[in-house]
Amino acid sequence: MKHLYLLFLFTSIFSFSGFSQPQTYYNDVNLTLTGTNLFNALAFKTESAHTNEISYTPGVWEADKITDEDPSNNSNVLLIYGYNDNDGNYITDRTRSKSLNGGTQGTDWNREHMFPNSLAIPKLDDLGKTTPPYADAHNLRPSDVKMNSNRGNLKFADGSGTAGPVSGGWYPGDEWKGDAARIIMYMYMRYGTQCTPNYATTGTINSLDSNMIDLLLEWNVEDPVSIIEDSRNNYHDSNGQYAQGNRNPFIDNPALATVIWGGPVAEDRWGTLLSANEFANISYKMYPNPVKDNFVYFSSTQNLDIIIYDILGKQVVIENITTTKDFINISNLNKGIYLVKIISNHGAVTKKLIKQ
């Protein structure tokens, strides 16, 4: 079991770093399309592959126990919006025992509709609570019962730091905002005008699609795909008892959102969607790599924004590189593999960094 877990972790790291394996799933989709045409082609694929309508109970419960398993402890699930297991506050827990699923505040975790039921038009449960869209597992994440209640049906809104209410809306947290964005985009692609992003998110309207909110495109860039998101996608595209059969395309390749709606350049995990010219004007060097001490240096003629993520997709360092500062102190990071997102005015690129 230990060896199997290590193999899973190893392969997930490289999938997370850009070597996304399921591209063959899209062999029948014309990925040279752009804009609305690409959206429609992926929407057809997403609906047609959704061949198994799992039940809300027990289906989604059991699916979430598999897909959201804590990589550090296979007895637990990760809780969306959670951020601290050690502050003595049960509500903010980031992990919880799989067995504690239910509806009791103070002990249990339940199923959070990332796209709230009541914000869809008609509501997600318009056709009942036993089938999609109410029971679509891609939209349902484990959450502390009280944290779920605190969010309620608040729209997602811009913020920073940990999850919580902000400006009359709800900020999902730095660690989870990319997850939220890619789920809302999935729900729009899967259920169309019933689940348009502007129903569930506040912010500037996208210039190409009045249903899209630019904030989601920003979150899609700022918070890369995590191991848990890949795990969810891979399970639901399997023969598992509680697998739906379809995938969330924006997890497989966040750059699909860029090709459809424009905006900031997201990571192209396949290395085929975005022209190399997108990054041609980013001139930089990152060294040493692997790094054996506490400093990573950057050589560039441009100012750079640097974001470092751990293998779960959590932001651990945010720094700027300028003409007067060419290094980042990573003494607070443990040994391991990280992703470094390098951003300039001309685009962005993500590289792997190893700390020894």
Protein backbone atom coordinates (compact mmCIF):
# COMPACT_ATOMS: atom_id res chain seq x y z
CA MET A 1 0.00 0.00 0.00
CA LYS A 2 2.82 2.39 0.85
CA HIS A 3 4.55 1.75 -2.46
CA LEU A 4 1.30 2.29 -4.36
CA TYR A 5 0.75 5.58 -2.55
CA LEU A 6 4.25 6.79 -3.35
CA LEU A 7 3.75 5.86 -6.98
CA PHE A 8 0.49 7.81 -7.03
CA LEU A 9 2.14 10.83 -5.46
CA PHE A 10 5.08 10.68 -7.87
CA THR A 11 2.90 10.47 -10.97
CA SER A 12 0.54 13.14 -9.64
CA ILE A 13 3.42 15.56 -9.14
CA PHE A 14 4.41 15.28 -12.76
CA SER A 15 0.80 15.51 -13.91
CA PHE A 16 0.47 18.64 -11.76
CA SER A 17 3.65 20.02 -13.31
CA GLY A 18 2.17 19.98 -16.77
CA PHE A 19 2.36 16.38 -18.01
CA SER A 20 -1.41 15.88 -18.05
CA GLN A 21 -2.11 12.30 -19.09
CA PRO A 22 -5.81 12.36 -20.15
CA GLN A 23 -5.41 14.41 -23.34
CA THR A 24 -6.56 11.35 -25.34
CA TYR A 25 -10.00 11.85 -23.76
CA TYR A 26 -10.31 14.83 -26.11
CA ASN A 27 -9.31 13.01 -29.31
CA ASP A 28 -12.79 13.55 -30.72
CA VAL A 29 -12.74 17.30 -29.94
CA ASN A 30 -11.32 19.79 -32.45
CA LEU A 31 -8.88 21.61 -30.19
CA THR A 32 -7.89 24.02 -32.98
CA LEU A 33 -11.19 25.82 -32.45
CA THR A 34 -11.34 29.02 -30.41
CA GLY A 35 -13.90 31.10 -28.53
CA THR A 36 -17.54 30.02 -28.60
CA ASN A 37 -16.82 27.24 -31.10
CA LEU A 38 -14.37 25.57 -28.72
CA PHE A 39 -16.75 26.08 -25.79
CA ASN A 40 -19.58 24.36 -27.68
CA ALA A 41 -17.37 21.45 -28.78
CA LEU A 42 -16.18 20.84 -25.23
CA ALA A 43 -19.73 21.24 -23.89
CA PHE A 44 -20.92 18.46 -26.20
CA LYS A 45 -18.05 16.24 -25.05
CA THR A 46 -18.67 17.02 -21.36
CA GLU A 47 -22.37 16.16 -21.63
CA SER A 48 -21.99 13.07 -23.82
CA ALA A 49 -19.31 11.58 -21.56
CA HIS A 50 -21.53 12.05 -18.48
CA THR A 51 -22.90 8.51 -18.77
CA ASN A 52 -23.35 7.61 -15.10
CA GLU A 53 -25.70 9.78 -13.08
CA ILE A 54 -24.63 8.94 -9.55
CA SER A 55 -27.04 9.52 -6.67
CA TYR A 56 -26.72 12.38 -4.19
CA THR A 57 -26.91 9.77 -1.40
CA PRO A 58 -24.89 7.61 -1.12
CA GLY A 59 -23.21 8.26 -4.49
CA VAL A 60 -21.67 11.69 -3.93
CA TRP A 61 -20.71 10.84 -0.32
CA GLU A 62 -18.75 7.82 -1.51
CA ALA A 63 -17.26 9.57 -4.53
CA ASP A 64 -15.94 12.45 -2.39
CA LYS A 65 -14.31 10.03 0.03
CA ILE A 66 -12.29 8.72 -2.90
CA THR A 67 -11.63 11.84 -4.95
CA ASP A 68 -10.86 14.23 -2.09
CA GLU A 69 -8.68 11.92 -0.04
CA ASP A 70 -5.96 13.77 1.86
CA PRO A 71 -2.63 12.82 0.17
CA SER A 72 -0.97 13.01 3.59
CA ASN A 73 -3.49 10.78 5.40
CA ASN A 74 -5.72 8.37 3.50
CA SER A 75 -8.17 8.24 6.43
CA ASN A 76 -9.11 11.89 5.85
CA VAL A 77 -10.63 14.11 3.19
CA LEU A 78 -9.56 17.65 2.37
CA LEU A 79 -12.20 20.28 3.20
CA ILE A 80 -12.87 23.05 0.71
CA TYR A 81 -12.39 26.53 2.26
CA GLY A 82 -10.49 24.97 5.21
CA TYR A 83 -7.06 26.26 6.17
CA ASN A 84 -5.92 25.28 9.67
CA ASP A 85 -6.12 22.00 11.59
CA ASN A 86 -4.23 23.35 14.60
CA ASP A 87 -5.98 26.55 15.67
CA GLY A 88 -8.53 24.86 17.94
CA ASN A 89 -11.38 26.06 15.72
CA TYR A 90 -13.27 23.14 14.20
CA ILE A 91 -14.84 25.33 11.49
CA THR A 92 -11.51 26.18 9.85
CA ASP A 93 -10.23 22.58 9.67
CA ARG A 94 -8.50 21.73 6.41
CA THR A 95 -8.91 17.96 6.85
CA ARG A 96 -11.44 15.67 8.54
CA SER A 97 -11.90 11.92 9.00
CA LYS A 98 -13.73 10.32 6.08
CA SER A 99 -16.08 8.62 8.54
CA LEU A 100 -17.37 11.95 9.89
CA ASN A 101 -19.69 12.72 6.99
CA GLY A 102 -23.10 13.97 7.99
CA GLY A 103 -24.94 17.10 9.05
CA THR A 104 -23.86 17.76 12.63
CA GLN A 105 -22.15 21.10 13.25
CA GLY A 106 -18.96 20.82 15.28
CA THR A 107 -18.08 17.30 14.15
CA ASP A 108 -19.09 16.51 10.58
CA TRP A 109 -18.32 17.40 7.00
CA ASN A 110 -20.96 17.61 4.29
CA ARG A 111 -21.26 18.33 0.55
CA GLU A 112 -20.77 21.93 -0.55
CA HIS A 113 -22.41 23.00 -3.82
CA MET A 114 -19.68 25.25 -5.20
CA PHE A 115 -22.29 26.60 -7.61
CA PRO A 116 -25.10 27.10 -5.09
CA ASN A 117 -28.41 25.39 -5.75
CA SER A 118 -30.46 28.56 -5.31
CA LEU A 119 -28.34 30.72 -7.62
CA ALA A 120 -28.95 28.58 -10.69
CA ILE A 121 -31.92 29.51 -12.89
CA PRO A 122 -33.85 27.26 -12.55
CA LYS A 123 -32.43 25.90 -9.29
CA LEU A 124 -30.14 22.88 -9.47
CA ASP A 125 -32.80 20.74 -7.76
CA ASP A 126 -35.47 21.72 -10.28
CA LEU A 127 -35.44 18.10 -11.50
CA GLY A 128 -34.96 16.69 -8.00
CA LYS A 129 -32.08 16.11 -5.64
CA THR A 130 -31.23 12.59 -6.72
CA THR A 131 -29.77 13.38 -10.16
CA PRO A 132 -27.68 16.06 -11.88
CA PRO A 133 -27.32 18.94 -11.90
CA TYR A 134 -27.99 18.91 -8.14
CA ALA A 135 -25.99 15.69 -7.71
CA ASP A 136 -23.17 16.47 -10.15
CA ALA A 137 -20.09 15.35 -8.22
CA HIS A 138 -17.79 17.79 -10.03
CA ASN A 139 -19.69 20.59 -8.26
CA LEU A 140 -19.73 18.98 -4.80
CA ARG A 141 -16.74 19.21 -2.48
CA PRO A 142 -16.32 18.11 1.16
CA SER A 143 -16.73 21.03 3.55
CA ASP A 144 -17.07 21.55 7.28
CA VAL A 145 -20.79 21.77 8.01
CA LYS A 146 -20.59 25.20 9.65
CA MET A 147 -18.19 26.58 7.01
CA ASN A 148 -20.66 25.41 4.35
CA SER A 149 -23.46 27.15 6.21
CA ASN A 150 -21.41 30.34 6.56
CA ARG A 151 -20.95 30.48 2.80
CA GLY A 152 -24.63 29.70 2.20
CA ASN A 153 -25.53 31.00 -1.25
CA LEU A 154 -23.16 33.97 -1.25
CA LYS A 155 -21.62 34.70 -4.62
CA PHE A 156 -17.88 34.28 -4.99
CA ALA A 157 -16.07 37.62 -4.69
CA ASP A 158 -12.52 38.92 -4.84
CA GLY A 159 -10.41 38.84 -1.70
CA SER A 160 -7.16 37.51 -0.27
CA GLY A 161 -5.93 35.20 2.47
CA THR A 162 -8.20 32.58 3.96
CA ALA A 163 -11.84 31.83 3.15
CA GLY A 164 -14.64 33.96 4.48
CA PRO A 165 -17.24 36.63 3.76
CA VAL A 166 -16.04 39.71 1.87
CA SER A 167 -17.93 42.71 0.45
CA GLY A 168 -21.25 40.93 0.64
CA GLY A 169 -19.84 37.87 -1.12
CA TRP A 170 -17.62 34.89 -0.30
CA TYR A 171 -13.89 34.52 -0.88
CA PRO A 172 -12.97 30.81 -1.19
CA GLY A 173 -9.39 31.34 0.03
CA ASP A 174 -6.04 31.58 -1.71
CA GLU A 175 -5.65 27.80 -1.76
CA TRP A 176 -9.10 27.12 -3.21
CA LYS A 177 -9.92 29.99 -5.55
CA GLY A 178 -8.61 28.18 -8.62
CA ASP A 179 -10.69 25.12 -7.71
CA ALA A 180 -13.75 27.36 -7.39
CA ALA A 181 -13.12 29.05 -10.74
CA ARG A 182 -12.66 25.81 -12.64
CA ILE A 183 -15.81 24.30 -11.09
CA ILE A 184 -17.95 27.33 -11.97
CA MET A 185 -16.61 27.18 -15.54
CA TYR A 186 -17.40 23.46 -15.67
CA MET A 187 -20.98 24.02 -14.49
CA TYR A 188 -21.44 26.66 -17.21
CA MET A 189 -20.07 24.31 -19.84
CA ARG A 190 -22.13 21.32 -18.62
CA TYR A 191 -25.47 23.04 -17.92
CA GLY A 192 -25.35 26.16 -20.07
CA THR A 193 -27.58 29.10 -19.24
CA GLN A 194 -28.88 27.39 -16.10
CA CYS A 195 -25.47 27.94 -14.50
CA THR A 196 -23.89 31.03 -15.99
CA PRO A 197 -20.89 32.30 -14.02
CA ASN A 198 -22.44 35.74 -13.41
CA TYR A 199 -25.16 34.04 -11.36
CA ALA A 200 -22.56 32.78 -8.87
CA THR A 201 -19.70 35.32 -9.06
CA THR A 202 -19.31 39.08 -8.73
CA GLY A 203 -16.91 41.19 -10.74
CA THR A 204 -16.20 42.63 -14.17
CA ILE A 205 -18.11 41.10 -17.08
CA ASN A 206 -15.92 39.44 -19.72
CA SER A 207 -15.74 41.38 -23.00
CA LEU A 208 -16.27 38.23 -25.12
CA ASP A 209 -19.05 36.58 -23.10
CA SER A 210 -21.49 38.56 -20.97
CA ASN A 211 -22.12 35.44 -18.87
CA MET A 212 -18.45 35.12 -17.82
CA ILE A 213 -16.81 37.04 -14.99
CA ASP A 214 -13.15 37.98 -15.44
CA LEU A 215 -12.37 37.25 -11.80
CA LEU A 216 -12.72 33.52 -12.50
CA LEU A 217 -10.16 33.77 -15.31
CA GLU A 218 -7.78 35.50 -12.91
CA TRP A 219 -8.23 32.83 -10.24
CA ASN A 220 -7.70 30.14 -12.87
CA VAL A 221 -4.24 31.63 -13.49
CA GLU A 222 -3.27 32.54 -9.94
CA ASP A 223 -4.09 29.17 -8.32
CA PRO A 224 -2.84 26.24 -10.46
CA VAL A 225 -4.42 22.81 -10.62
CA SER A 226 -3.77 20.69 -7.51
CA ILE A 227 -3.33 16.97 -6.96
CA ILE A 228 -6.87 16.78 -5.56
CA GLU A 229 -8.36 18.31 -8.71
CA ASP A 230 -6.48 15.80 -10.86
CA SER A 231 -7.57 13.00 -8.55
CA ARG A 232 -11.22 14.02 -8.92
CA ASN A 233 -10.97 14.17 -12.71
CA ASN A 234 -9.15 10.86 -13.03
CA TYR A 235 -11.63 9.01 -10.82
CA HIS A 236 -14.70 10.31 -12.61
CA ASP A 237 -13.16 9.23 -15.92
CA SER A 238 -12.81 5.65 -14.69
CA ASN A 239 -14.85 2.50 -14.18
CA GLY A 240 -15.38 3.31 -10.50
CA GLN A 241 -18.79 2.58 -9.00
CA TYR A 242 -19.34 6.25 -8.20
CA ALA A 243 -17.66 7.73 -11.30
CA GLN A 244 -19.67 9.98 -13.64
CA GLY A 245 -17.66 9.26 -16.78
CA ASN A 246 -16.87 12.86 -17.68
CA ARG A 247 -14.05 15.23 -16.83
CA ASN A 248 -13.71 18.91 -16.03
CA PRO A 249 -11.78 20.24 -19.06
CA PHE A 250 -10.48 23.28 -17.20
CA ILE A 251 -8.67 21.03 -14.72
CA ASP A 252 -7.07 19.05 -17.52
CA ASN A 253 -5.88 22.27 -19.14
CA PRO A 254 -6.56 25.71 -17.62
CA ALA A 255 -5.44 27.29 -20.91
CA LEU A 256 -8.73 26.19 -22.46
CA ALA A 257 -10.29 29.11 -20.58
CA THR A 258 -7.77 31.50 -22.15
CA VAL A 259 -8.55 30.24 -25.65
CA ILE A 260 -12.30 30.58 -25.04
CA TRP A 261 -12.56 33.83 -23.07
CA GLY A 262 -9.17 35.54 -23.38
CA GLY A 263 -7.84 37.34 -20.33
CA PRO A 264 -4.64 36.48 -18.44
CA VAL A 265 -2.65 33.60 -19.88
CA ALA A 266 -3.31 30.36 -17.99
CA GLU A 267 -0.99 27.38 -17.80
CA ASP A 268 -1.07 25.21 -20.93
CA ARG A 269 -0.59 21.76 -19.42
CA TRP A 270 -0.50 20.12 -22.85
CA GLY A 271 1.96 22.59 -24.32
CA THR A 272 -0.06 22.69 -27.55
CA LEU A 273 -2.90 25.20 -27.13
CA LEU A 274 -1.06 28.48 -26.76
CA SER A 275 1.48 29.75 -29.24
CA ALA A 276 5.07 29.81 -28.07
CA ASN A 277 4.94 33.52 -28.94
CA GLU A 278 2.83 34.05 -25.81
CA PHE A 279 6.01 33.60 -23.80
CA ALA A 280 8.64 34.66 -26.31
CA ASN A 281 9.21 38.03 -24.65
CA ILE A 282 9.78 36.68 -21.13
CA SER A 283 13.52 36.77 -20.69
CA TYR A 284 14.69 35.22 -17.44
CA LYS A 285 16.89 32.64 -15.79
CA MET A 286 16.09 30.87 -12.51
CA TYR A 287 18.99 29.27 -10.64
CA PRO A 288 20.20 27.12 -8.98
CA ASN A 289 17.75 24.28 -9.56
CA PRO A 290 17.84 22.06 -7.55
CA VAL A 291 18.55 24.55 -4.78
CA LYS A 292 20.53 23.35 -1.76
CA ASP A 293 20.47 26.51 0.35
CA ASN A 294 17.75 29.07 1.03
CA PHE A 295 17.98 31.35 -2.00
CA VAL A 296 16.64 31.17 -5.54
CA TYR A 297 18.05 33.75 -7.95
CA PHE A 298 16.49 35.26 -11.06
CA SER A 299 18.27 37.00 -13.90
CA SER A 300 15.94 39.15 -16.02
CA THR A 301 15.72 42.48 -17.82
CA GLN A 302 12.07 42.72 -16.75
CA ASN A 303 10.25 43.04 -13.45
CA LEU A 304 8.77 39.66 -12.51
CA ASP A 305 6.04 38.51 -10.16
CA ILE A 306 6.97 35.16 -8.60
CA ILE A 307 4.43 32.79 -7.03
CA ILE A 308 5.59 29.47 -5.58
CA TYR A 309 3.11 26.64 -4.94
CA ASP A 310 3.48 23.36 -3.09
CA ILE A 311 2.35 20.11 -4.70
CA LEU A 312 -1.21 20.59 -3.43
CA GLY A 313 -1.47 23.92 -5.22
CA LYS A 314 -1.21 26.07 -2.09
CA GLN A 315 0.60 29.40 -2.45
CA VAL A 316 3.65 29.36 -0.18
CA VAL A 317 5.67 32.32 -1.49
CA ILE A 318 4.69 35.52 -3.32
CA GLU A 319 7.55 37.89 -4.23
CA ASN A 320 8.63 40.45 -6.81
CA ILE A 321 11.88 40.50 -8.75
CA THR A 322 13.14 43.94 -9.77
CA THR A 323 16.37 45.54 -10.90
CA THR A 324 17.30 46.00 -7.24
CA LYS A 325 16.23 42.57 -5.95
CA ASP A 326 17.17 39.39 -7.80
CA PHE A 327 16.55 36.63 -5.26
CA ILE A 328 13.86 34.96 -3.13
CA ASN A 329 14.45 33.54 0.34
CA ILE A 330 12.84 30.08 0.62
CA SER A 331 14.17 29.18 4.07
CA ASN A 332 10.58 28.63 5.25
CA LEU A 333 10.03 25.85 2.69
CA ASN A 334 10.60 22.18 3.42
CA LYS A 335 12.60 19.97 1.09
CA GLY A 336 10.53 18.83 -1.87
CA ILE A 337 9.08 19.73 -5.25
CA TYR A 338 7.42 23.09 -5.92
CA LEU A 339 5.97 24.96 -8.88
CA VAL A 340 7.22 28.46 -9.63
CA LYS A 341 4.93 30.71 -11.66
CA ILE A 342 6.91 33.50 -13.35
CA ILE A 343 4.77 36.41 -14.54
CA SER A 344 5.70 39.47 -16.58
CA ASN A 345 3.73 42.00 -18.61
CA HIS A 346 4.17 39.71 -21.62
CA GLY A 347 2.72 36.50 -20.19
CA ALA A 348 3.47 33.77 -17.70
CA VAL A 349 5.27 30.47 -17.49
CA THR A 350 5.38 27.77 -14.80
CA LYS A 351 8.54 25.85 -13.90
CA LYS A 352 9.34 23.07 -11.47
CA LEU A 353 11.71 23.81 -8.57
CA ILE A 354 13.35 21.23 -6.33
CA LYS A 355 14.61 22.13 -2.86
CA GLN A 356 17.14 19.63 -1.55
